PDB file of N, CA and C in Angstrom:
ATOM      1  N   MET A   1       0.815  -1.193   0.000  1.00  0.00           N
ATOM      2  CA  MET A   1       0.000   0.000   0.000  1.00  0.00           C
ATOM      3  C   MET A   1       0.859   1.258   0.000  1.00  0.00           C
ATOM      4  N   TYR A   2       1.948   1.250   0.765  1.00  0.00           N
ATOM      5  CA  TYR A   2       2.785   2.435   0.892  1.00  0.00           C
ATOM      6  C   TYR A   2       4.087   2.287   0.112  1.00  0.00           C
ATOM      7  N   LYS A   3       4.069   1.525  -0.978  1.00  0.00           N
ATOM      8  CA  LYS A   3       5.287   1.190  -1.703  1.00  0.00           C
ATOM      9  C   LYS A   3       6.006   2.416  -2.283  1.00  0.00           C
ATOM     10  N   LEU A   4       5.286   3.487  -2.563  1.00  0.00           N
ATOM     11  CA  LEU A   4       5.907   4.657  -3.171  1.00  0.00           C
ATOM     12  C   LEU A   4       6.560   5.581  -2.150  1.00  0.00           C
ATOM     13  N   MET A   5       6.366   5.308  -0.879  1.00  0.00           N
ATOM     14  CA  MET A   5       6.976   6.137   0.151  1.00  0.00           C
ATOM     15  C   MET A   5       8.459   5.824   0.257  1.00  0.00           C
ATOM     16  N   LYS A   6       9.234   6.808   0.656  1.00  0.00           N
ATOM     17  CA  LYS A   6      10.676   6.685   0.611  1.00  0.00           C
ATOM     18  C   LYS A   6      11.297   6.137   1.877  1.00  0.00           C
ATOM     19  N   SER A   7      10.619   6.182   2.984  1.00  0.00           N
ATOM     20  CA  SER A   7      11.268   5.752   4.214  1.00  0.00           C
ATOM     21  C   SER A   7      10.263   5.138   5.181  1.00  0.00           C
ATOM     22  N   VAL A   8      10.797   4.429   6.155  1.00  0.00           N
ATOM     23  CA  VAL A   8       9.973   3.858   7.214  1.00  0.00           C
ATOM     24  C   VAL A   8       9.262   4.981   7.959  1.00  0.00           C
ATOM     25  N   ILE A   9       9.938   6.090   8.165  1.00  0.00           N
ATOM     26  CA  ILE A   9       9.343   7.229   8.873  1.00  0.00           C
ATOM     27  C   ILE A   9       8.096   7.723   8.145  1.00  0.00           C
ATOM     28  N   GLU A  10       8.149   7.811   6.839  1.00  0.00           N
ATOM     29  CA  GLU A  10       6.979   8.256   6.082  1.00  0.00           C
ATOM     30  C   GLU A  10       5.822   7.269   6.230  1.00  0.00           C
ATOM     31  N   ILE A  11       6.115   5.982   6.217  1.00  0.00           N
ATOM     32  CA  ILE A  11       5.078   4.971   6.396  1.00  0.00           C
ATOM     33  C   ILE A  11       4.466   5.113   7.787  1.00  0.00           C
ATOM     34  N   ILE A  12       5.311   5.255   8.798  1.00  0.00           N
ATOM     35  CA  ILE A  12       4.825   5.396  10.172  1.00  0.00           C
ATOM     36  C   ILE A  12       3.982   6.656  10.322  1.00  0.00           C
ATOM     37  N   GLU A  13       4.406   7.759   9.734  1.00  0.00           N
ATOM     38  CA  GLU A  13       3.626   8.994   9.808  1.00  0.00           C
ATOM     39  C   GLU A  13       2.250   8.815   9.179  1.00  0.00           C
ATOM     40  N   GLN A  14       2.179   8.100   8.059  1.00  0.00           N
ATOM     41  CA  GLN A  14       0.881   7.834   7.423  1.00  0.00           C
ATOM     42  C   GLN A  14       0.010   6.981   8.330  1.00  0.00           C
ATOM     43  N   LEU A  15       0.586   5.948   8.939  1.00  0.00           N
ATOM     44  CA  LEU A  15      -0.178   5.096   9.851  1.00  0.00           C
ATOM     45  C   LEU A  15      -0.662   5.887  11.068  1.00  0.00           C
ATOM     46  N   ARG A  16       0.166   6.795  11.579  1.00  0.00           N
ATOM     47  CA  ARG A  16      -0.247   7.645  12.709  1.00  0.00           C
ATOM     48  C   ARG A  16      -1.482   8.460  12.324  1.00  0.00           C
ATOM     49  N   SER A  17      -1.489   8.995  11.103  1.00  0.00           N
ATOM     50  CA  SER A  17      -2.634   9.790  10.657  1.00  0.00           C
ATOM     51  C   SER A  17      -3.896   8.936  10.515  1.00  0.00           C
ATOM     52  N   GLU A  18      -3.733   7.619  10.415  1.00  0.00           N
ATOM     53  CA  GLU A  18      -4.861   6.689  10.328  1.00  0.00           C
ATOM     54  C   GLU A  18      -5.292   6.197  11.711  1.00  0.00           C
ATOM     55  N   GLY A  19      -4.638   6.698  12.763  1.00  0.00           N
ATOM     56  CA  GLY A  19      -5.051   6.350  14.118  1.00  0.00           C
ATOM     57  C   GLY A  19      -4.197   5.319  14.827  1.00  0.00           C
ATOM     58  N   TYR A  20      -3.161   4.825  14.190  1.00  0.00           N
ATOM     59  CA  TYR A  20      -2.264   3.856  14.816  1.00  0.00           C
ATOM     60  C   TYR A  20      -1.167   4.629  15.557  1.00  0.00           C
ATOM     61  N   ILE A  21      -1.546   5.192  16.709  1.00  0.00           N
ATOM     62  CA  ILE A  21      -0.688   6.156  17.388  1.00  0.00           C
ATOM     63  C   ILE A  21       0.241   5.542  18.427  1.00  0.00           C
ATOM     64  N   ASN A  22      -0.004   4.316  18.832  1.00  0.00           N
ATOM     65  CA  ASN A  22       0.830   3.687  19.853  1.00  0.00           C
ATOM     66  C   ASN A  22       1.965   2.892  19.241  1.00  0.00           C
ATOM     67  N   ASP A  23       3.037   2.787  19.995  1.00  0.00           N
ATOM     68  CA  ASP A  23       4.151   1.920  19.614  1.00  0.00           C
ATOM     69  C   ASP A  23       4.117   0.709  20.529  1.00  0.00           C
ATOM     70  N   PHE A  24       4.194  -0.460  19.943  1.00  0.00           N
ATOM     71  CA  PHE A  24       4.264  -1.686  20.712  1.00  0.00           C
ATOM     72  C   PHE A  24       5.701  -2.192  20.717  1.00  0.00           C
ATOM     73  N   SER A  25       6.061  -2.907  21.784  1.00  0.00           N
ATOM     74  CA  SER A  25       7.377  -3.537  21.876  1.00  0.00           C
ATOM     75  C   SER A  25       7.203  -4.861  22.597  1.00  0.00           C
ATOM     76  N   ILE A  26       8.261  -5.653  22.627  1.00  0.00           N
ATOM     77  CA  ILE A  26       8.184  -6.906  23.368  1.00  0.00           C
ATOM     78  C   ILE A  26       9.165  -6.879  24.530  1.00  0.00           C
ATOM     79  N   LYS A  27       8.755  -7.542  25.589  1.00  0.00           N
ATOM     80  CA  LYS A  27       9.619  -7.703  26.759  1.00  0.00           C
ATOM     81  C   LYS A  27       9.174  -8.985  27.458  1.00  0.00           C
ATOM     82  N   ASN A  28      10.118  -9.882  27.637  1.00  0.00           N
ATOM     83  CA  ASN A  28       9.835 -11.149  28.320  1.00  0.00           C
ATOM     84  C   ASN A  28       8.632 -11.871  27.719  1.00  0.00           C
ATOM     85  N   ASP A  29       8.611 -11.994  26.418  1.00  0.00           N
ATOM     86  CA  ASP A  29       7.544 -12.714  25.710  1.00  0.00           C
ATOM     87  C   ASP A  29       6.165 -12.076  25.870  1.00  0.00           C
ATOM     88  N   THR A  30       6.133 -10.798  26.196  1.00  0.00           N
ATOM     89  CA  THR A  30       4.885 -10.059  26.328  1.00  0.00           C
ATOM     90  C   THR A  30       4.971  -8.827  25.430  1.00  0.00           C
ATOM     91  N   ILE A  31       3.845  -8.412  24.889  1.00  0.00           N
ATOM     92  CA  ILE A  31       3.792  -7.199  24.077  1.00  0.00           C
ATOM     93  C   ILE A  31       3.310  -6.062  24.971  1.00  0.00           C
ATOM     94  N   LEU A  32       4.049  -4.958  24.935  1.00  0.00           N
ATOM     95  CA  LEU A  32       3.742  -3.779  25.752  1.00  0.00           C
ATOM     96  C   LEU A  32       3.337  -2.621  24.863  1.00  0.00           C
ATOM     97  N   ASP A  33       2.469  -1.735  25.395  1.00  0.00           N
ATOM     98  CA  ASP A  33       2.223  -0.481  24.698  1.00  0.00           C
ATOM     99  C   ASP A  33       3.350   0.490  25.048  1.00  0.00           C
ATOM    100  N   ASP A  34       3.362   1.651  24.411  1.00  0.00           N
ATOM    101  CA  ASP A  34       4.477   2.573  24.605  1.00  0.00           C
ATOM    102  C   ASP A  34       4.557   3.165  26.001  1.00  0.00           C
ATOM    103  N   SER A  35       3.474   3.097  26.762  1.00  0.00           N
ATOM    104  CA  SER A  35       3.536   3.592  28.142  1.00  0.00           C
ATOM    105  C   SER A  35       4.161   2.545  29.063  1.00  0.00           C
ATOM    106  N   GLY A  36       4.179   1.299  28.615  1.00  0.00           N
ATOM    107  CA  GLY A  36       4.696   0.211  29.439  1.00  0.00           C
ATOM    108  C   GLY A  36       3.720  -0.237  30.509  1.00  0.00           C
ATOM    109  N   LYS A  37       2.523   0.346  30.516  1.00  0.00           N
ATOM    110  CA  LYS A  37       1.532   0.026  31.540  1.00  0.00           C
ATOM    111  C   LYS A  37       0.561  -1.060  31.103  1.00  0.00           C
ATOM    112  N   LYS A  38       0.319  -1.181  29.804  1.00  0.00           N
ATOM    113  CA  LYS A  38      -0.581  -2.204  29.291  1.00  0.00           C
ATOM    114  C   LYS A  38       0.237  -3.318  28.662  1.00  0.00           C
ATOM    115  N   THR A  39      -0.131  -4.535  28.976  1.00  0.00           N
ATOM    116  CA  THR A  39       0.508  -5.685  28.345  1.00  0.00           C
ATOM    117  C   THR A  39      -0.547  -6.466  27.582  1.00  0.00           C
ATOM    118  N   TYR A  40      -0.092  -7.117  26.532  1.00  0.00           N
ATOM    119  CA  TYR A  40      -1.005  -7.864  25.674  1.00  0.00           C
ATOM    120  C   TYR A  40      -0.420  -9.239  25.372  1.00  0.00           C
ATOM    121  N   ARG A  41      -1.312 -10.209  25.318  1.00  0.00           N
ATOM    122  CA  ARG A  41      -0.957 -11.538  24.836  1.00  0.00           C
ATOM    123  C   ARG A  41      -1.306 -11.577  23.347  1.00  0.00           C
ATOM    124  N   PRO A  42      -0.728 -12.506  22.595  1.00  0.00           N
ATOM    125  CA  PRO A  42      -1.051 -12.563  21.164  1.00  0.00           C
ATOM    126  C   PRO A  42      -2.551 -12.637  20.880  1.00  0.00           C
ATOM    127  N   GLU A  43      -3.296 -13.342  21.710  1.00  0.00           N
ATOM    128  CA  GLU A  43      -4.742 -13.473  21.470  1.00  0.00           C
ATOM    129  C   GLU A  43      -5.501 -12.179  21.764  1.00  0.00           C
ATOM    130  N   ASP A  44      -4.838 -11.189  22.358  1.00  0.00           N
ATOM    131  CA  ASP A  44      -5.455  -9.887  22.619  1.00  0.00           C
ATOM    132  C   ASP A  44      -5.331  -8.939  21.429  1.00  0.00           C
ATOM    133  N   LEU A  45      -4.597  -9.358  20.408  1.00  0.00           N
ATOM    134  CA  LEU A  45      -4.270  -8.481  19.283  1.00  0.00           C
ATOM    135  C   LEU A  45      -4.697  -9.100  17.963  1.00  0.00           C
ATOM    136  N   ILE A  46      -4.781  -8.259  16.955  1.00  0.00           N
ATOM    137  CA  ILE A  46      -4.951  -8.724  15.589  1.00  0.00           C
ATOM    138  C   ILE A  46      -4.024  -7.903  14.697  1.00  0.00           C
ATOM    139  N   ILE A  47      -3.412  -8.572  13.743  1.00  0.00           N
ATOM    140  CA  ILE A  47      -2.576  -7.877  12.759  1.00  0.00           C
ATOM    141  C   ILE A  47      -3.506  -7.403  11.649  1.00  0.00           C
ATOM    142  N   GLU A  48      -3.626  -6.093  11.528  1.00  0.00           N
ATOM    143  CA  GLU A  48      -4.476  -5.515  10.487  1.00  0.00           C
ATOM    144  C   GLU A  48      -3.829  -5.650   9.113  1.00  0.00           C
ATOM    145  N   ARG A  49      -2.541  -5.389   9.093  1.00  0.00           N
ATOM    146  CA  ARG A  49      -1.759  -5.549   7.856  1.00  0.00           C
ATOM    147  C   ARG A  49      -0.285  -5.500   8.197  1.00  0.00           C
ATOM    148  N   ILE A  50       0.511  -5.853   7.216  1.00  0.00           N
ATOM    149  CA  ILE A  50       1.963  -5.878   7.372  1.00  0.00           C
ATOM    150  C   ILE A  50       2.548  -5.070   6.227  1.00  0.00           C
ATOM    151  N   GLU A  51       3.414  -4.127   6.557  1.00  0.00           N
ATOM    152  CA  GLU A  51       4.094  -3.310   5.555  1.00  0.00           C
ATOM    153  C   GLU A  51       5.589  -3.618   5.591  1.00  0.00           C
ATOM    154  N   ARG A  52       6.159  -3.803   4.439  1.00  0.00           N
ATOM    155  CA  ARG A  52       7.608  -4.055   4.367  1.00  0.00           C
ATOM    156  C   ARG A  52       8.287  -2.884   3.663  1.00  0.00           C
ATOM    157  N   TYR A  53       9.451  -2.557   4.184  1.00  0.00           N
ATOM    158  CA  TYR A  53      10.263  -1.496   3.579  1.00  0.00           C
ATOM    159  C   TYR A  53      11.617  -2.082   3.264  1.00  0.00           C
ATOM    160  N   GLU A  54      12.075  -1.876   2.040  1.00  0.00           N
ATOM    161  CA  GLU A  54      13.397  -2.345   1.646  1.00  0.00           C
ATOM    162  C   GLU A  54      14.256  -1.145   1.302  1.00  0.00           C
ATOM    163  N   GLY A  55      15.357  -1.002   2.029  1.00  0.00           N
ATOM    164  CA  GLY A  55      16.298   0.071   1.747  1.00  0.00           C
ATOM    165  C   GLY A  55      16.964  -0.144   0.402  1.00  0.00           C
ATOM    166  N   ASP A  56      17.492   0.923  -0.148  1.00  0.00           N
ATOM    167  CA  ASP A  56      18.082   0.848  -1.483  1.00  0.00           C
ATOM    168  C   ASP A  56      19.412   0.108  -1.539  1.00  0.00           C
ATOM    169  N   SER A  57      20.225   0.256  -0.502  1.00  0.00           N
ATOM    170  CA  SER A  57      21.586  -0.245  -0.649  1.00  0.00           C
ATOM    171  C   SER A  57      22.058  -1.208   0.425  1.00  0.00           C
ATOM    172  N   ASN A  58      21.421  -1.236   1.571  1.00  0.00           N
ATOM    173  CA  ASN A  58      21.946  -2.009   2.680  1.00  0.00           C
ATOM    174  C   ASN A  58      20.875  -2.948   3.224  1.00  0.00           C
ATOM    175  N   PRO A  59      21.175  -4.256   3.299  1.00  0.00           N
ATOM    176  CA  PRO A  59      20.171  -5.186   3.837  1.00  0.00           C
ATOM    177  C   PRO A  59      19.720  -4.851   5.252  1.00  0.00           C
ATOM    178  N   SER A  60      20.538  -4.140   6.017  1.00  0.00           N
ATOM    179  CA  SER A  60      20.131  -3.773   7.374  1.00  0.00           C
ATOM    180  C   SER A  60      19.054  -2.690   7.363  1.00  0.00           C
ATOM    181  N   ASP A  61      18.769  -2.100   6.181  1.00  0.00           N
ATOM    182  CA  ASP A  61      17.709  -1.106   6.048  1.00  0.00           C
ATOM    183  C   ASP A  61      16.327  -1.737   5.900  1.00  0.00           C
ATOM    184  N   ASN A  62      16.253  -3.058   5.808  1.00  0.00           N
ATOM    185  CA  ASN A  62      14.976  -3.727   5.633  1.00  0.00           C
ATOM    186  C   ASN A  62      14.194  -3.717   6.936  1.00  0.00           C
ATOM    187  N   ALA A  63      12.920  -3.356   6.849  1.00  0.00           N
ATOM    188  CA  ALA A  63      12.077  -3.318   8.042  1.00  0.00           C
ATOM    189  C   ALA A  63      10.707  -3.879   7.705  1.00  0.00           C
ATOM    190  N   VAL A  64      10.072  -4.403   8.717  1.00  0.00           N
ATOM    191  CA  VAL A  64       8.684  -4.835   8.599  1.00  0.00           C
ATOM    192  C   VAL A  64       7.902  -4.115   9.691  1.00  0.00           C
ATOM    193  N   ILE A  65       6.759  -3.586   9.309  1.00  0.00           N
ATOM    194  CA  ILE A  65       5.907  -2.835  10.229  1.00  0.00           C
ATOM    195  C   ILE A  65       4.606  -3.614  10.383  1.00  0.00           C
ATOM    196  N   TYR A  66       4.345  -4.044  11.607  1.00  0.00           N
ATOM    197  CA  TYR A  66       3.102  -4.752  11.915  1.00  0.00           C
ATOM    198  C   TYR A  66       2.096  -3.723  12.406  1.00  0.00           C
ATOM    199  N   VAL A  67       0.958  -3.647  11.755  1.00  0.00           N
ATOM    200  CA  VAL A  67      -0.103  -2.709  12.097  1.00  0.00           C
ATOM    201  C   VAL A  67      -1.104  -3.492  12.951  1.00  0.00           C
ATOM    202  N   LEU A  68      -1.214  -3.115  14.229  1.00  0.00           N
ATOM    203  CA  LEU A  68      -1.951  -3.908  15.208  1.00  0.00           C
ATOM    204  C   LEU A  68      -3.126  -3.161  15.823  1.00  0.00           C
ATOM    205  N   THR A  69      -4.167  -3.925  16.146  1.00  0.00           N
ATOM    206  CA  THR A  69      -5.287  -3.423  16.937  1.00  0.00           C
ATOM    207  C   THR A  69      -5.519  -4.410  18.069  1.00  0.00           C
ATOM    208  N   ALA A  70      -5.650  -3.873  19.289  1.00  0.00           N
ATOM    209  CA  ALA A  70      -5.929  -4.711  20.455  1.00  0.00           C
ATOM    210  C   ALA A  70      -7.438  -4.803  20.673  1.00  0.00           C
ATOM    211  N   LYS A  71      -7.852  -5.831  21.397  1.00  0.00           N
ATOM    212  CA  LYS A  71      -9.276  -6.001  21.702  1.00  0.00           C
ATOM    213  C   LYS A  71      -9.834  -4.819  22.492  1.00  0.00           C
ATOM    214  N   ASP A  72      -8.962  -4.120  23.232  1.00  0.00           N
ATOM    215  CA  ASP A  72      -9.437  -2.956  23.998  1.00  0.00           C
ATOM    216  C   ASP A  72      -9.493  -1.677  23.154  1.00  0.00           C
ATOM    217  N   GLY A  73      -9.203  -1.796  21.866  1.00  0.00           N
ATOM    218  CA  GLY A  73      -9.275  -0.659  20.958  1.00  0.00           C
ATOM    219  C   GLY A  73      -7.962   0.061  20.722  1.00  0.00           C
ATOM    220  N   THR A  74      -6.923  -0.287  21.465  1.00  0.00           N
ATOM    221  CA  THR A  74      -5.617   0.336  21.266  1.00  0.00           C
ATOM    222  C   THR A  74      -5.097  -0.022  19.882  1.00  0.00           C
ATOM    223  N   LYS A  75      -4.664   1.015  19.141  1.00  0.00           N
ATOM    224  CA  LYS A  75      -4.142   0.808  17.790  1.00  0.00           C
ATOM    225  C   LYS A  75      -2.699   1.293  17.752  1.00  0.00           C
ATOM    226  N   GLY A  76      -1.834   0.513  17.123  1.00  0.00           N
ATOM    227  CA  GLY A  76      -0.441   0.919  17.048  1.00  0.00           C
ATOM    228  C   GLY A  76       0.352   0.072  16.090  1.00  0.00           C
ATOM    229  N   ILE A  77       1.654   0.253  16.183  1.00  0.00           N
ATOM    230  CA  ILE A  77       2.569  -0.448  15.281  1.00  0.00           C
ATOM    231  C   ILE A  77       3.691  -1.099  16.075  1.00  0.00           C
ATOM    232  N   LEU A  78       4.256  -2.108  15.456  1.00  0.00           N
ATOM    233  CA  LEU A  78       5.423  -2.798  15.993  1.00  0.00           C
ATOM    234  C   LEU A  78       6.382  -2.958  14.830  1.00  0.00           C
ATOM    235  N   VAL A  79       7.595  -2.455  14.979  1.00  0.00           N
ATOM    236  CA  VAL A  79       8.568  -2.454  13.892  1.00  0.00           C
ATOM    237  C   VAL A  79       9.687  -3.434  14.205  1.00  0.00           C
ATOM    238  N   ASP A  80      10.106  -4.168  13.192  1.00  0.00           N
ATOM    239  CA  ASP A  80      11.218  -5.111  13.320  1.00  0.00           C
ATOM    240  C   ASP A  80      11.999  -5.104  12.014  1.00  0.00           C
ATOM    241  N   SER A  81      13.211  -5.594  12.073  1.00  0.00           N
ATOM    242  CA  SER A  81      13.963  -5.876  10.857  1.00  0.00           C
ATOM    243  C   SER A  81      13.424  -7.171  10.288  1.00  0.00           C
ATOM    244  N   TYR A  82      13.764  -7.463   9.057  1.00  0.00           N
ATOM    245  CA  TYR A  82      13.436  -8.788   8.571  1.00  0.00           C
ATOM    246  C   TYR A  82      14.620  -9.369   7.843  1.00  0.00           C
ATOM    247  N   GLY A  83      14.531 -10.668   7.613  1.00  0.00           N
ATOM    248  CA  GLY A  83      15.663 -11.373   7.045  1.00  0.00           C
ATOM    249  C   GLY A  83      16.623 -11.747   8.151  1.00  0.00           C
ATOM    250  N   ALA A  84      17.900 -11.649   7.863  1.00  0.00           N
ATOM    251  CA  ALA A  84      18.938 -12.058   8.810  1.00  0.00           C
ATOM    252  C   ALA A  84      18.936 -11.239  10.095  1.00  0.00           C
ATOM    253  N   TYR A  85      18.398 -10.037  10.054  1.00  0.00           N
ATOM    254  CA  TYR A  85      18.431  -9.151  11.213  1.00  0.00           C
ATOM    255  C   TYR A  85      17.159  -9.201  12.065  1.00  0.00           C
ATOM    256  N   ALA A  86      16.195 -10.047  11.694  1.00  0.00           N
ATOM    257  CA  ALA A  86      14.927 -10.119  12.423  1.00  0.00           C
ATOM    258  C   ALA A  86      15.137 -10.636  13.843  1.00  0.00           C
ATOM    259  N   ASP A  87      14.316 -10.164  14.750  1.00  0.00           N
ATOM    260  CA  ASP A  87      14.353 -10.587  16.154  1.00  0.00           C
ATOM    261  C   ASP A  87      13.595 -11.902  16.288  1.00  0.00           C
ATOM    262  N   PRO A  88      14.269 -13.015  16.629  1.00  0.00           N
ATOM    263  CA  PRO A  88      13.581 -14.307  16.703  1.00  0.00           C
ATOM    264  C   PRO A  88      12.493 -14.360  17.776  1.00  0.00           C
ATOM    265  N   LYS A  89      12.663 -13.639  18.885  1.00  0.00           N
ATOM    266  CA  LYS A  89      11.624 -13.600  19.919  1.00  0.00           C
ATOM    267  C   LYS A  89      10.362 -12.934  19.376  1.00  0.00           C
ATOM    268  N   LEU A  90      10.558 -11.837  18.662  1.00  0.00           N
ATOM    269  CA  LEU A  90       9.424 -11.133  18.076  1.00  0.00           C
ATOM    270  C   LEU A  90       8.736 -12.006  17.035  1.00  0.00           C
ATOM    271  N   ALA A  91       9.509 -12.695  16.227  1.00  0.00           N
ATOM    272  CA  ALA A  91       8.929 -13.563  15.197  1.00  0.00           C
ATOM    273  C   ALA A  91       8.038 -14.633  15.818  1.00  0.00           C
ATOM    274  N   LYS A  92       8.459 -15.185  16.937  1.00  0.00           N
ATOM    275  CA  LYS A  92       7.655 -16.209  17.608  1.00  0.00           C
ATOM    276  C   LYS A  92       6.335 -15.626  18.099  1.00  0.00           C
ATOM    277  N   ILE A  93       6.379 -14.463  18.724  1.00  0.00           N
ATOM    278  CA  ILE A  93       5.160 -13.835  19.240  1.00  0.00           C
ATOM    279  C   ILE A  93       4.246 -13.417  18.086  1.00  0.00           C
ATOM    280  N   ILE A  94       4.807 -12.799  17.068  1.00  0.00           N
ATOM    281  CA  ILE A  94       4.017 -12.352  15.916  1.00  0.00           C
ATOM    282  C   ILE A  94       3.323 -13.545  15.259  1.00  0.00           C
ATOM    283  N   GLY A  95       3.998 -14.684  15.222  1.00  0.00           N
ATOM    284  CA  GLY A  95       3.405 -15.875  14.626  1.00  0.00           C
ATOM    285  C   GLY A  95       2.153 -16.356  15.344  1.00  0.00           C
ATOM    286  N   ASP A  96       1.979 -15.947  16.590  1.00  0.00           N
ATOM    287  CA  ASP A  96       0.810 -16.339  17.374  1.00  0.00           C
ATOM    288  C   ASP A  96      -0.337 -15.328  17.309  1.00  0.00           C
ATOM    289  N   ILE A  97      -0.110 -14.177  16.675  1.00  0.00           N
ATOM    290  CA  ILE A  97      -1.154 -13.151  16.559  1.00  0.00           C
ATOM    291  C   ILE A  97      -1.953 -13.404  15.282  1.00  0.00           C
ATOM    292  N   PRO A  98      -3.272 -13.475  15.387  1.00  0.00           N
ATOM    293  CA  PRO A  98      -4.063 -13.698  14.168  1.00  0.00           C
ATOM    294  C   PRO A  98      -3.971 -12.512  13.214  1.00  0.00           C
ATOM    295  N   VAL A  99      -4.084 -12.819  11.936  1.00  0.00           N
ATOM    296  CA  VAL A  99      -4.049 -11.805  10.882  1.00  0.00           C
ATOM    297  C   VAL A  99      -5.466 -11.632  10.355  1.00  0.00           C
ATOM    298  N   ARG A 100      -5.887 -10.375  10.247  1.00  0.00           N
ATOM    299  CA  ARG A 100      -7.218 -10.098   9.689  1.00  0.00           C
ATOM    300  C   ARG A 100      -7.231 -10.599   8.247  1.00  0.00           C
ATOM    301  N   GLU A 101      -8.267 -11.308   7.914  1.00  0.00           N
ATOM    302  CA  GLU A 101      -8.410 -11.827   6.554  1.00  0.00           C
ATOM    303  C   GLU A 101      -8.662 -10.687   5.581  1.00  0.00           C
ATOM    304  N   GLU A 102      -8.223 -10.846   4.349  1.00  0.00           N
ATOM    305  CA  GLU A 102      -8.385  -9.811   3.329  1.00  0.00           C
ATOM    306  C   GLU A 102      -9.855  -9.433   3.155  1.00  0.00           C
ATOM    307  N   HIS A 103     -10.759 -10.408   3.155  1.00  0.00           N
ATOM    308  CA  HIS A 103     -12.176 -10.073   2.966  1.00  0.00           C
ATOM    309  C   HIS A 103     -12.706  -9.291   4.166  1.00  0.00           C
ATOM    310  N   ASP A 104     -12.125  -9.470   5.356  1.00  0.00           N
ATOM    311  CA  ASP A 104     -12.530  -8.687   6.514  1.00  0.00           C
ATOM    312  C   ASP A 104     -12.162  -7.222   6.332  1.00  0.00           C
ATOM    313  N   LEU A 105     -11.034  -6.953   5.691  1.00  0.00           N
ATOM    314  CA  LEU A 105     -10.598  -5.576   5.470  1.00  0.00           C
ATOM    315  C   LEU A 105     -11.560  -4.857   4.535  1.00  0.00           C
ATOM    316  N   GLN A 106     -12.126  -5.567   3.578  1.00  0.00           N
ATOM    317  CA  GLN A 106     -13.043  -4.946   2.638  1.00  0.00           C
ATOM    318  C   GLN A 106     -14.349  -4.555   3.316  1.00  0.00           C
ATOM    319  N   ASP A 107     -14.691  -5.220   4.413  1.00  0.00           N
ATOM    320  CA  ASP A 107     -15.938  -4.923   5.118  1.00  0.00           C
ATOM    321  C   ASP A 107     -15.837  -3.685   5.989  1.00  0.00           C
ATOM    322  N   LYS A 108     -14.643  -3.140   6.210  1.00  0.00           N
ATOM    323  CA  LYS A 108     -14.463  -1.996   7.111  1.00  0.00           C
ATOM    324  C   LYS A 108     -15.013  -0.732   6.502  1.00  0.00           C
TER     325      LYS A 108
END
């Protein structure tokens, strides 16, 4: 969707304007919101979509942005590298979060 954008920052800014204002992170196999006060299990979240960014010259510039919504309505993003630089702990947790089906997105 955001393939014409030049940087991860531009993609994130667009997502912020769509209401995905929180940043999620992982700690001890738990997903935290940016305040560190709310924790989420994979079943508490849904992946709305996944955006990938590939840098022009360096494989370390590759990023994947997970666009997430929690059952409590919290909307945000979780950013990771992909390929050789991906965080294996994050990959395990992300693998347990359901992904919204494409036909579900059309119903929004």
